[in-house]
Amino acid sequence: MGGAMAANLLARGWPVSVCDIDPVKVADLQEKGAVALTAPAQAAPDSIVFIVCVVDAAQTEEVLFGQQGLAGMLQPGHTVVLCPTISPQDVEGFASRLAALGVYTVDAPMSGGPARARDGSMSLMVACAEPVYQAQAALLQALSSKLFRISERPGDGARTKLVNNLLAGINLVGAAEVLALAGRLGLDLGRTLDVIEQSSGQSWIGSDRMRRALAADYEPRAHVTLLEKDTRLAVAAAGAAGFEGPLGARASQIFADARQAGLGGLDDAAIFKYLAER
């Protein structure tokens, strides 16, 4: 999604510098007009904002405070936008450490996938101080046509994203379960999904992922380990809040089990494959 976001900004005329561990991705964005960096610390000190789009808290730590991280060149008044799905406590910790440098944090986890990131229609769940939001409004609006202003407290964006992704995980496991059941009942899976999509069982992630599953297309767009991480973080956040629901922990365990079964690198549509083959 980071590459798609950069491509979107470049298409809209924004000057963009990029850094990624995959040189092929960097080269692709260079062809679109981006300036290539070999380390985050090479980012220009006069840049408007620094967008961190990685997988988890460990990678965020490396990008911000690692040996070649951004922190070495950040100046008071700079802004860091945190887009990965990480725990609220990690967001708060990063925001506190950046604040000590005089740097602002925009907690802005994203949703929608690479295609929506590329055309600017993805969702951003934004939590930051109001003056920071106003200062970066043009950039945020360029990134997302579905911009949700959550609160002024960094960490609340992460909380919102975890609630959303836990429901996404529950819906995906549910869709995979009922289609696996339909197969055992001898039903035509395509027709069954046609019915679900026009009836009360419909969910966006269920339709999107189960169409891939029925085509045996498990090329990863969002691989199993991502929702495994996100649902695990959501269940941990629920526990920290003293809440225990009937479905979240079970759905999270299904993603963990699928990874253990060797499906972690596949698209998360492979939850159907895991359940159908049990």
C-alpha atoms as a PDB file:
ATOM      1  CA  MET A   1       0.000   0.000   0.000  1.00  0.00           C
ATOM      2  CA  GLY A   2       2.917   2.347   0.585  1.00  0.00           C
ATOM      3  CA  GLY A   3       4.008   2.045  -3.021  1.00  0.00           C
ATOM      4  CA  ALA A   4       0.439   2.632  -4.164  1.00  0.00           C
ATOM      5  CA  MET A   5       0.181   5.720  -1.951  1.00  0.00           C
ATOM      6  CA  ALA A   6       3.420   7.084  -3.407  1.00  0.00           C
ATOM      7  CA  ALA A   7       2.171   6.440  -6.961  1.00  0.00           C
ATOM      8  CA  ASN A   8      -1.067   8.262  -6.158  1.00  0.00           C
ATOM      9  CA  LEU A   9       0.774  11.305  -4.813  1.00  0.00           C
ATOM     10  CA  LEU A  10       3.134  11.381  -7.798  1.00  0.00           C
ATOM     11  CA  ALA A  11       0.165  11.252 -10.198  1.00  0.00           C
ATOM     12  CA  ARG A  12      -1.315  14.250  -8.373  1.00  0.00           C
ATOM     13  CA  GLY A  13       1.893  16.262  -8.748  1.00  0.00           C
ATOM     14  CA  TRP A  14       3.322  15.899  -5.245  1.00  0.00           C
ATOM     15  CA  PRO A  15       7.113  15.586  -4.996  1.00  0.00           C
ATOM     16  CA  VAL A  16       7.859  12.248  -3.329  1.00  0.00           C
ATOM     17  CA  SER A  17      10.994  10.540  -2.053  1.00  0.00           C
ATOM     18  CA  VAL A  18      10.816   6.807  -1.357  1.00  0.00           C
ATOM     19  CA  CYS A  19      12.749   4.215   0.589  1.00  0.00           C
ATOM     20  CA  ASP A  20      12.004   0.491   0.609  1.00  0.00           C
ATOM     21  CA  ILE A  21      13.922  -2.716   1.311  1.00  0.00           C
ATOM     22  CA  ASP A  22      12.787  -3.978  -2.121  1.00  0.00           C
ATOM     23  CA  PRO A  23      14.845  -2.208  -4.838  1.00  0.00           C
ATOM     24  CA  VAL A  24      12.377  -3.295  -7.526  1.00  0.00           C
ATOM     25  CA  LYS A  25       9.616  -1.296  -5.839  1.00  0.00           C
ATOM     26  CA  VAL A  26      11.898   1.716  -5.536  1.00  0.00           C
ATOM     27  CA  ALA A  27      12.855   1.484  -9.212  1.00  0.00           C
ATOM     28  CA  ASP A  28       9.201   1.308 -10.231  1.00  0.00           C
ATOM     29  CA  LEU A  29       8.445   4.504  -8.324  1.00  0.00           C
ATOM     30  CA  GLN A  30      11.547   6.188  -9.727  1.00  0.00           C
ATOM     31  CA  GLU A  31      10.112   5.627 -13.202  1.00  0.00           C
ATOM     32  CA  LYS A  32       7.010   7.493 -12.011  1.00  0.00           C
ATOM     33  CA  GLY A  33       9.115  10.455 -10.843  1.00  0.00           C
ATOM     34  CA  ALA A  34      10.049   9.627  -7.238  1.00  0.00           C
ATOM     35  CA  VAL A  35      13.454  10.353  -5.743  1.00  0.00           C
ATOM     36  CA  ALA A  36      15.066   7.135  -4.493  1.00  0.00           C
ATOM     37  CA  LEU A  37      16.621   6.936  -1.034  1.00  0.00           C
ATOM     38  CA  THR A  38      18.736   4.095   0.315  1.00  0.00           C
ATOM     39  CA  ALA A  39      17.900   4.807   3.959  1.00  0.00           C
ATOM     40  CA  PRO A  40      15.176   6.762   5.816  1.00  0.00           C
ATOM     41  CA  ALA A  41      17.819   9.099   7.237  1.00  0.00           C
ATOM     42  CA  GLN A  42      18.438  10.444   3.717  1.00  0.00           C
ATOM     43  CA  ALA A  43      14.993  12.036   3.609  1.00  0.00           C
ATOM     44  CA  ALA A  44      15.181  15.730   2.828  1.00  0.00           C
ATOM     45  CA  PRO A  45      15.026  17.958   5.932  1.00  0.00           C
ATOM     46  CA  ASP A  46      12.704  20.361   4.091  1.00  0.00           C
ATOM     47  CA  SER A  47      10.114  17.660   3.345  1.00  0.00           C
ATOM     48  CA  ILE A  48       6.571  18.426   4.501  1.00  0.00           C
ATOM     49  CA  VAL A  49       5.834  15.127   6.152  1.00  0.00           C
ATOM     50  CA  PHE A  50       7.264  11.642   6.543  1.00  0.00           C
ATOM     51  CA  ILE A  51       4.885   8.740   5.939  1.00  0.00           C
ATOM     52  CA  VAL A  52       5.770   5.425   7.577  1.00  0.00           C
ATOM     53  CA  CYS A  53       4.010   2.552   5.810  1.00  0.00           C
ATOM     54  CA  VAL A  54       5.376  -0.762   7.088  1.00  0.00           C
ATOM     55  CA  VAL A  55       3.977  -3.955   8.629  1.00  0.00           C
ATOM     56  CA  ASP A  56       4.489  -3.819  12.378  1.00  0.00           C
ATOM     57  CA  ALA A  57       5.922  -2.009  15.395  1.00  0.00           C
ATOM     58  CA  ALA A  58       9.397  -3.526  14.993  1.00  0.00           C
ATOM     59  CA  GLN A  59       9.680  -2.180  11.458  1.00  0.00           C
ATOM     60  CA  THR A  60       8.322   1.194  12.594  1.00  0.00           C
ATOM     61  CA  GLU A  61      10.990   1.303  15.302  1.00  0.00           C
ATOM     62  CA  GLU A  62      13.677   0.585  12.708  1.00  0.00           C
ATOM     63  CA  VAL A  63      12.433   3.262  10.292  1.00  0.00           C
ATOM     64  CA  LEU A  64      12.139   5.914  13.001  1.00  0.00           C
ATOM     65  CA  PHE A  65      14.861   5.146  15.521  1.00  0.00           C
ATOM     66  CA  GLY A  66      17.110   2.530  13.907  1.00  0.00           C
ATOM     67  CA  GLN A  67      20.733   3.101  12.975  1.00  0.00           C
ATOM     68  CA  GLN A  68      19.695   4.767   9.712  1.00  0.00           C
ATOM     69  CA  GLY A  69      16.294   5.931  10.924  1.00  0.00           C
ATOM     70  CA  LEU A  70      14.464   9.190  10.429  1.00  0.00           C
ATOM     71  CA  ALA A  71      15.027  10.438  13.967  1.00  0.00           C
ATOM     72  CA  GLY A  72      18.580  11.505  13.142  1.00  0.00           C
ATOM     73  CA  MET A  73      17.388  14.094  10.650  1.00  0.00           C
ATOM     74  CA  LEU A  74      13.992  15.121  12.035  1.00  0.00           C
ATOM     75  CA  GLN A  75      13.673  18.737  13.152  1.00  0.00           C
ATOM     76  CA  PRO A  76      11.164  20.474  15.447  1.00  0.00           C
ATOM     77  CA  GLY A  77       7.991  21.110  13.498  1.00  0.00           C
ATOM     78  CA  HIS A  78       8.314  18.076  11.251  1.00  0.00           C
ATOM     79  CA  THR A  79       5.386  15.648  11.071  1.00  0.00           C
ATOM     80  CA  VAL A  80       5.425  11.838  10.959  1.00  0.00           C
ATOM     81  CA  VAL A  81       2.340   9.982   9.689  1.00  0.00           C
ATOM     82  CA  LEU A  82       2.092   6.452  11.097  1.00  0.00           C
ATOM     83  CA  CYS A  83       0.093   4.170   8.764  1.00  0.00           C
ATOM     84  CA  PRO A  84       0.847   0.605   9.946  1.00  0.00           C
ATOM     85  CA  THR A  85      -1.588  -1.398  12.048  1.00  0.00           C
ATOM     86  CA  ILE A  86       0.109  -1.560  15.440  1.00  0.00           C
ATOM     87  CA  SER A  87      -1.039  -1.498  19.031  1.00  0.00           C
ATOM     88  CA  PRO A  88      -2.361   1.753  20.553  1.00  0.00           C
ATOM     89  CA  GLN A  89       0.388   1.551  23.165  1.00  0.00           C
ATOM     90  CA  ASP A  90       3.054   1.431  20.456  1.00  0.00           C
ATOM     91  CA  VAL A  91       1.510   4.453  18.713  1.00  0.00           C
ATOM     92  CA  GLU A  92       1.483   6.350  22.009  1.00  0.00           C
ATOM     93  CA  GLY A  93       5.088   5.372  22.659  1.00  0.00           C
ATOM     94  CA  PHE A  94       6.293   6.519  19.245  1.00  0.00           C
ATOM     95  CA  ALA A  95       4.305   9.755  19.532  1.00  0.00           C
ATOM     96  CA  SER A  96       5.849  10.483  22.922  1.00  0.00           C
ATOM     97  CA  ARG A  97       9.391   9.902  21.689  1.00  0.00           C
ATOM     98  CA  LEU A  98       8.801  12.054  18.618  1.00  0.00           C
ATOM     99  CA  ALA A  99       7.256  14.797  20.731  1.00  0.00           C
ATOM    100  CA  ALA A 100      10.472  14.893  22.750  1.00  0.00           C
ATOM    101  CA  LEU A 101      12.178  15.885  19.474  1.00  0.00           C
ATOM    102  CA  GLY A 102       9.536  18.535  18.770  1.00  0.00           C
ATOM    103  CA  VAL A 103       8.053  16.340  16.015  1.00  0.00           C
ATOM    104  CA  TYR A 104       4.294  15.914  15.529  1.00  0.00           C
ATOM    105  CA  THR A 105       2.601  12.537  15.048  1.00  0.00           C
ATOM    106  CA  VAL A 106      -0.441  11.752  12.926  1.00  0.00           C
ATOM    107  CA  ASP A 107      -1.869   8.366  13.894  1.00  0.00           C
ATOM    108  CA  ALA A 108      -3.389   7.322  10.549  1.00  0.00           C
ATOM    109  CA  PRO A 109      -3.863   3.581   9.979  1.00  0.00           C
ATOM    110  CA  MET A 110      -5.260   2.770   6.564  1.00  0.00           C
ATOM    111  CA  SER A 111      -7.746   0.345   5.058  1.00  0.00           C
ATOM    112  CA  GLY A 112      -8.824  -0.632   1.558  1.00  0.00           C
ATOM    113  CA  GLY A 113      -5.934  -2.418  -0.120  1.00  0.00           C
ATOM    114  CA  PRO A 114      -3.416  -1.379  -2.791  1.00  0.00           C
ATOM    115  CA  ALA A 115      -5.945  -0.586  -5.539  1.00  0.00           C
ATOM    116  CA  ARG A 116      -7.773   1.918  -3.356  1.00  0.00           C
ATOM    117  CA  ALA A 117      -4.497   3.360  -2.075  1.00  0.00           C
ATOM    118  CA  ARG A 118      -3.460   3.916  -5.692  1.00  0.00           C
ATOM    119  CA  ASP A 119      -6.603   5.815  -6.685  1.00  0.00           C
ATOM    120  CA  GLY A 120      -6.879   7.718  -3.396  1.00  0.00           C
ATOM    121  CA  SER A 121     -10.124   6.054  -2.285  1.00  0.00           C
ATOM    122  CA  MET A 122      -8.728   4.138   0.690  1.00  0.00           C
ATOM    123  CA  SER A 123      -9.785   4.940   4.254  1.00  0.00           C
ATOM    124  CA  LEU A 124      -7.590   6.756   6.755  1.00  0.00           C
ATOM    125  CA  MET A 125      -8.488   6.830  10.457  1.00  0.00           C
ATOM    126  CA  VAL A 126      -6.796   9.965  11.737  1.00  0.00           C
ATOM    127  CA  ALA A 127      -6.023  10.889  15.324  1.00  0.00           C
ATOM    128  CA  CYS A 128      -3.833  13.924  16.048  1.00  0.00           C
ATOM    129  CA  ALA A 129      -3.966  17.433  17.449  1.00  0.00           C
ATOM    130  CA  GLU A 130      -6.238  19.747  15.476  1.00  0.00           C
ATOM    131  CA  PRO A 131      -3.486  22.194  14.364  1.00  0.00           C
ATOM    132  CA  VAL A 132      -1.465  19.255  13.039  1.00  0.00           C
ATOM    133  CA  TYR A 133      -4.488  17.934  11.171  1.00  0.00           C
ATOM    134  CA  GLN A 134      -5.174  21.331   9.595  1.00  0.00           C
ATOM    135  CA  ALA A 135      -1.538  21.716   8.577  1.00  0.00           C
ATOM    136  CA  GLN A 136      -1.543  18.349   6.782  1.00  0.00           C
ATOM    137  CA  ALA A 137      -5.162  18.330   5.555  1.00  0.00           C
ATOM    138  CA  ALA A 138      -4.264  18.769   1.871  1.00  0.00           C
ATOM    139  CA  LEU A 139      -1.888  15.810   1.943  1.00  0.00           C
ATOM    140  CA  LEU A 140      -4.287  13.587   3.883  1.00  0.00           C
ATOM    141  CA  GLN A 141      -7.107  14.446   1.484  1.00  0.00           C
ATOM    142  CA  ALA A 142      -4.864  13.579  -1.464  1.00  0.00           C
ATOM    143  CA  LEU A 143      -4.172  10.193   0.096  1.00  0.00           C
ATOM    144  CA  SER A 144      -7.756   9.381   1.034  1.00  0.00           C
ATOM    145  CA  SER A 145     -11.243  10.311  -0.101  1.00  0.00           C
ATOM    146  CA  LYS A 146     -12.539   8.493   3.008  1.00  0.00           C
ATOM    147  CA  LEU A 147     -10.856  10.490   5.727  1.00  0.00           C
ATOM    148  CA  PHE A 148     -12.194   9.769   9.198  1.00  0.00           C
ATOM    149  CA  ARG A 149     -11.310  12.258  11.932  1.00  0.00           C
ATOM    150  CA  ILE A 150     -11.267  10.007  15.005  1.00  0.00           C
ATOM    151  CA  SER A 151      -9.941  12.237  17.801  1.00  0.00           C
ATOM    152  CA  GLU A 152      -7.039  14.422  18.844  1.00  0.00           C
ATOM    153  CA  ARG A 153      -5.385  11.571  20.782  1.00  0.00           C
ATOM    154  CA  PRO A 154      -2.763   9.494  18.913  1.00  0.00           C
ATOM    155  CA  GLY A 155      -3.598   5.873  19.594  1.00  0.00           C
ATOM    156  CA  ASP A 156      -7.300   6.231  18.861  1.00  0.00           C
ATOM    157  CA  GLY A 157      -6.673   5.711  15.154  1.00  0.00           C
ATOM    158  CA  ALA A 158      -4.998   2.417  16.028  1.00  0.00           C
ATOM    159  CA  ARG A 159      -7.901   1.465  18.306  1.00  0.00           C
ATOM    160  CA  THR A 160     -10.391   2.141  15.523  1.00  0.00           C
ATOM    161  CA  LYS A 161      -8.355   0.142  13.007  1.00  0.00           C
ATOM    162  CA  LEU A 162      -8.097  -2.834  15.343  1.00  0.00           C
ATOM    163  CA  VAL A 163     -11.867  -2.832  15.926  1.00  0.00           C
ATOM    164  CA  ASN A 164     -12.411  -2.731  12.147  1.00  0.00           C
ATOM    165  CA  ASN A 165      -9.884  -5.441  11.396  1.00  0.00           C
ATOM    166  CA  LEU A 166     -11.194  -7.736  14.083  1.00  0.00           C
ATOM    167  CA  LEU A 167     -14.597  -7.560  12.407  1.00  0.00           C
ATOM    168  CA  ALA A 168     -12.926  -8.113   9.023  1.00  0.00           C
ATOM    169  CA  GLY A 169     -11.259 -11.222  10.426  1.00  0.00           C
ATOM    170  CA  ILE A 170     -14.495 -12.509  11.937  1.00  0.00           C
ATOM    171  CA  ASN A 171     -16.370 -11.882   8.665  1.00  0.00           C
ATOM    172  CA  LEU A 172     -13.662 -13.578   6.599  1.00  0.00           C
ATOM    173  CA  VAL A 173     -13.557 -16.676   8.801  1.00  0.00           C
ATOM    174  CA  GLY A 174     -17.361 -16.792   8.730  1.00  0.00           C
ATOM    175  CA  ALA A 175     -17.513 -16.551   4.944  1.00  0.00           C
ATOM    176  CA  ALA A 176     -14.854 -19.219   4.534  1.00  0.00           C
ATOM    177  CA  GLU A 177     -16.645 -21.487   7.007  1.00  0.00           C
ATOM    178  CA  VAL A 178     -20.040 -21.311   5.312  1.00  0.00           C
ATOM    179  CA  LEU A 179     -18.598 -21.874   1.831  1.00  0.00           C
ATOM    180  CA  ALA A 180     -16.621 -24.855   3.116  1.00  0.00           C
ATOM    181  CA  LEU A 181     -19.890 -26.128   4.585  1.00  0.00           C
ATOM    182  CA  ALA A 182     -21.679 -25.511   1.294  1.00  0.00           C
ATOM    183  CA  GLY A 183     -19.092 -27.679  -0.409  1.00  0.00           C
ATOM    184  CA  ARG A 184     -19.672 -30.505   2.066  1.00  0.00           C
ATOM    185  CA  LEU A 185     -23.414 -30.192   1.452  1.00  0.00           C
ATOM    186  CA  GLY A 186     -22.861 -30.681  -2.272  1.00  0.00           C
ATOM    187  CA  LEU A 187     -23.861 -27.160  -3.272  1.00  0.00           C
ATOM    188  CA  ASP A 188     -22.422 -25.221  -6.201  1.00  0.00           C
ATOM    189  CA  LEU A 189     -20.062 -22.775  -4.498  1.00  0.00           C
ATOM    190  CA  GLY A 190     -20.336 -20.026  -7.112  1.00  0.00           C
ATOM    191  CA  ARG A 191     -24.115 -20.015  -6.973  1.00  0.00           C
ATOM    192  CA  THR A 192     -24.040 -20.142  -3.190  1.00  0.00           C
ATOM    193  CA  LEU A 193     -21.806 -17.072  -3.105  1.00  0.00           C
ATOM    194  CA  ASP A 194     -24.135 -15.349  -5.607  1.00  0.00           C
ATOM    195  CA  VAL A 195     -26.980 -15.852  -3.122  1.00  0.00           C
ATOM    196  CA  ILE A 196     -24.945 -14.658  -0.137  1.00  0.00           C
ATOM    197  CA  GLU A 197     -23.847 -11.514  -1.977  1.00  0.00           C
ATOM    198  CA  GLN A 198     -27.478 -10.514  -2.546  1.00  0.00           C
ATOM    199  CA  SER A 199     -28.752 -11.599   0.857  1.00  0.00           C
ATOM    200  CA  SER A 200     -28.301 -10.999   4.566  1.00  0.00           C
ATOM    201  CA  GLY A 201     -24.999 -12.883   4.787  1.00  0.00           C
ATOM    202  CA  GLN A 202     -23.124 -10.477   2.523  1.00  0.00           C
ATOM    203  CA  SER A 203     -19.886  -8.806   3.623  1.00  0.00           C
ATOM    204  CA  TRP A 204     -17.361  -6.972   1.485  1.00  0.00           C
ATOM    205  CA  ILE A 205     -14.362  -8.984   2.639  1.00  0.00           C
ATOM    206  CA  GLY A 206     -16.307 -12.219   2.326  1.00  0.00           C
ATOM    207  CA  SER A 207     -17.227 -11.495  -1.292  1.00  0.00           C
ATOM    208  CA  ASP A 208     -13.786 -10.190  -2.215  1.00  0.00           C
ATOM    209  CA  ARG A 209     -11.814 -13.060  -0.691  1.00  0.00           C
ATOM    210  CA  MET A 210     -14.179 -15.900  -1.494  1.00  0.00           C
ATOM    211  CA  ARG A 211     -14.255 -14.933  -5.190  1.00  0.00           C
ATOM    212  CA  ARG A 212     -10.476 -15.359  -5.148  1.00  0.00           C
ATOM    213  CA  ALA A 213     -10.756 -18.624  -3.256  1.00  0.00           C
ATOM    214  CA  LEU A 214     -13.234 -20.080  -5.747  1.00  0.00           C
ATOM    215  CA  ALA A 215     -10.768 -19.235  -8.508  1.00  0.00           C
ATOM    216  CA  ALA A 216      -7.972 -20.873  -6.438  1.00  0.00           C
ATOM    217  CA  ASP A 217      -6.199 -17.490  -6.592  1.00  0.00           C
ATOM    218  CA  TYR A 218      -4.076 -17.242  -3.480  1.00  0.00           C
ATOM    219  CA  GLU A 219      -1.477 -14.809  -4.821  1.00  0.00           C
ATOM    220  CA  PRO A 220      -1.008 -12.556  -1.789  1.00  0.00           C
ATOM    221  CA  ARG A 221      -2.547  -9.102  -1.811  1.00  0.00           C
ATOM    222  CA  ALA A 222      -2.970  -9.217   1.974  1.00  0.00           C
ATOM    223  CA  HIS A 223      -1.387 -12.394   3.271  1.00  0.00           C
ATOM    224  CA  VAL A 224      -2.642 -14.499   6.161  1.00  0.00           C
ATOM    225  CA  THR A 225      -0.002 -13.227   8.586  1.00  0.00           C
ATOM    226  CA  LEU A 226      -1.365  -9.661   8.391  1.00  0.00           C
ATOM    227  CA  LEU A 227      -4.825 -10.476   9.727  1.00  0.00           C
ATOM    228  CA  GLU A 228      -3.218 -12.907  12.124  1.00  0.00           C
ATOM    229  CA  LYS A 229      -1.238  -9.971  13.544  1.00  0.00           C
ATOM    230  CA  ASP A 230      -4.149  -7.540  13.462  1.00  0.00           C
ATOM    231  CA  THR A 231      -6.670  -9.855  15.124  1.00  0.00           C
ATOM    232  CA  ARG A 232      -4.100 -10.814  17.752  1.00  0.00           C
ATOM    233  CA  LEU A 233      -3.489  -7.138  18.540  1.00  0.00           C
ATOM    234  CA  ALA A 234      -7.254  -6.499  18.654  1.00  0.00           C
ATOM    235  CA  VAL A 235      -7.844  -9.363  21.088  1.00  0.00           C
ATOM    236  CA  ALA A 236      -4.984  -8.062  23.240  1.00  0.00           C
ATOM    237  CA  ALA A 237      -6.523  -4.570  23.211  1.00  0.00           C
ATOM    238  CA  ALA A 238      -9.862  -6.073  24.221  1.00  0.00           C
ATOM    239  CA  GLY A 239      -8.211  -7.887  27.099  1.00  0.00           C
ATOM    240  CA  ALA A 240      -6.482  -4.721  28.254  1.00  0.00           C
ATOM    241  CA  ALA A 241      -9.906  -3.010  28.284  1.00  0.00           C
ATOM    242  CA  GLY A 242     -11.445  -5.851  30.293  1.00  0.00           C
ATOM    243  CA  PHE A 243     -13.627  -7.054  27.429  1.00  0.00           C
ATOM    244  CA  GLU A 244     -14.027 -10.635  26.244  1.00  0.00           C
ATOM    245  CA  GLY A 245     -16.238 -11.341  23.234  1.00  0.00           C
ATOM    246  CA  PRO A 246     -17.353 -14.715  21.881  1.00  0.00           C
ATOM    247  CA  LEU A 247     -15.920 -14.487  18.350  1.00  0.00           C
ATOM    248  CA  GLY A 248     -12.756 -12.402  18.148  1.00  0.00           C
ATOM    249  CA  ALA A 249     -10.375 -14.752  19.921  1.00  0.00           C
ATOM    250  CA  ARG A 250     -11.682 -17.756  17.975  1.00  0.00           C
ATOM    251  CA  ALA A 251     -11.278 -15.999  14.621  1.00  0.00           C
ATOM    252  CA  SER A 252      -7.786 -14.914  15.616  1.00  0.00           C
ATOM    253  CA  GLN A 253      -6.897 -18.501  16.451  1.00  0.00           C
ATOM    254  CA  ILE A 254      -8.042 -19.648  12.990  1.00  0.00           C
ATOM    255  CA  PHE A 255      -5.553 -17.247  11.374  1.00  0.00           C
ATOM    256  CA  ALA A 256      -2.818 -18.510  13.697  1.00  0.00           C
ATOM    257  CA  ASP A 257      -3.706 -22.119  12.881  1.00  0.00           C
ATOM    258  CA  ALA A 258      -3.666 -21.412   9.145  1.00  0.00           C
ATOM    259  CA  ARG A 259      -0.187 -19.923   9.454  1.00  0.00           C
ATOM    260  CA  GLN A 260       0.962 -22.946  11.421  1.00  0.00           C
ATOM    261  CA  ALA A 261      -0.404 -25.101   8.596  1.00  0.00           C
ATOM    262  CA  GLY A 262       1.977 -23.349   6.176  1.00  0.00           C
ATOM    263  CA  LEU A 263      -0.474 -20.874   4.614  1.00  0.00           C
ATOM    264  CA  GLY A 264       0.970 -17.689   6.132  1.00  0.00           C
ATOM    265  CA  GLY A 265       2.463 -16.396   2.895  1.00  0.00           C
ATOM    266  CA  LEU A 266      -0.728 -16.868   0.884  1.00  0.00           C
ATOM    267  CA  ASP A 267      -3.538 -14.372   0.401  1.00  0.00           C
ATOM    268  CA  ASP A 268      -5.900 -14.446   3.362  1.00  0.00           C
ATOM    269  CA  ALA A 269      -8.516 -15.960   1.047  1.00  0.00           C
ATOM    270  CA  ALA A 270      -6.600 -19.150   1.915  1.00  0.00           C
ATOM    271  CA  ILE A 271      -8.638 -19.349   5.114  1.00  0.00           C
ATOM    272  CA  PHE A 272     -11.199 -21.077   2.872  1.00  0.00           C
ATOM    273  CA  LYS A 273      -8.552 -23.561   1.727  1.00  0.00           C
ATOM    274  CA  TYR A 274      -7.589 -24.239   5.339  1.00  0.00           C
ATOM    275  CA  LEU A 275     -11.167 -24.839   6.493  1.00  0.00           C
ATOM    276  CA  ALA A 276     -12.255 -26.794   3.408  1.00  0.00           C
ATOM    277  CA  GLU A 277      -9.347 -29.209   3.749  1.00  0.00           C
ATOM    278  CA  ARG A 278      -9.727 -29.858   7.472  1.00  0.00           C
END
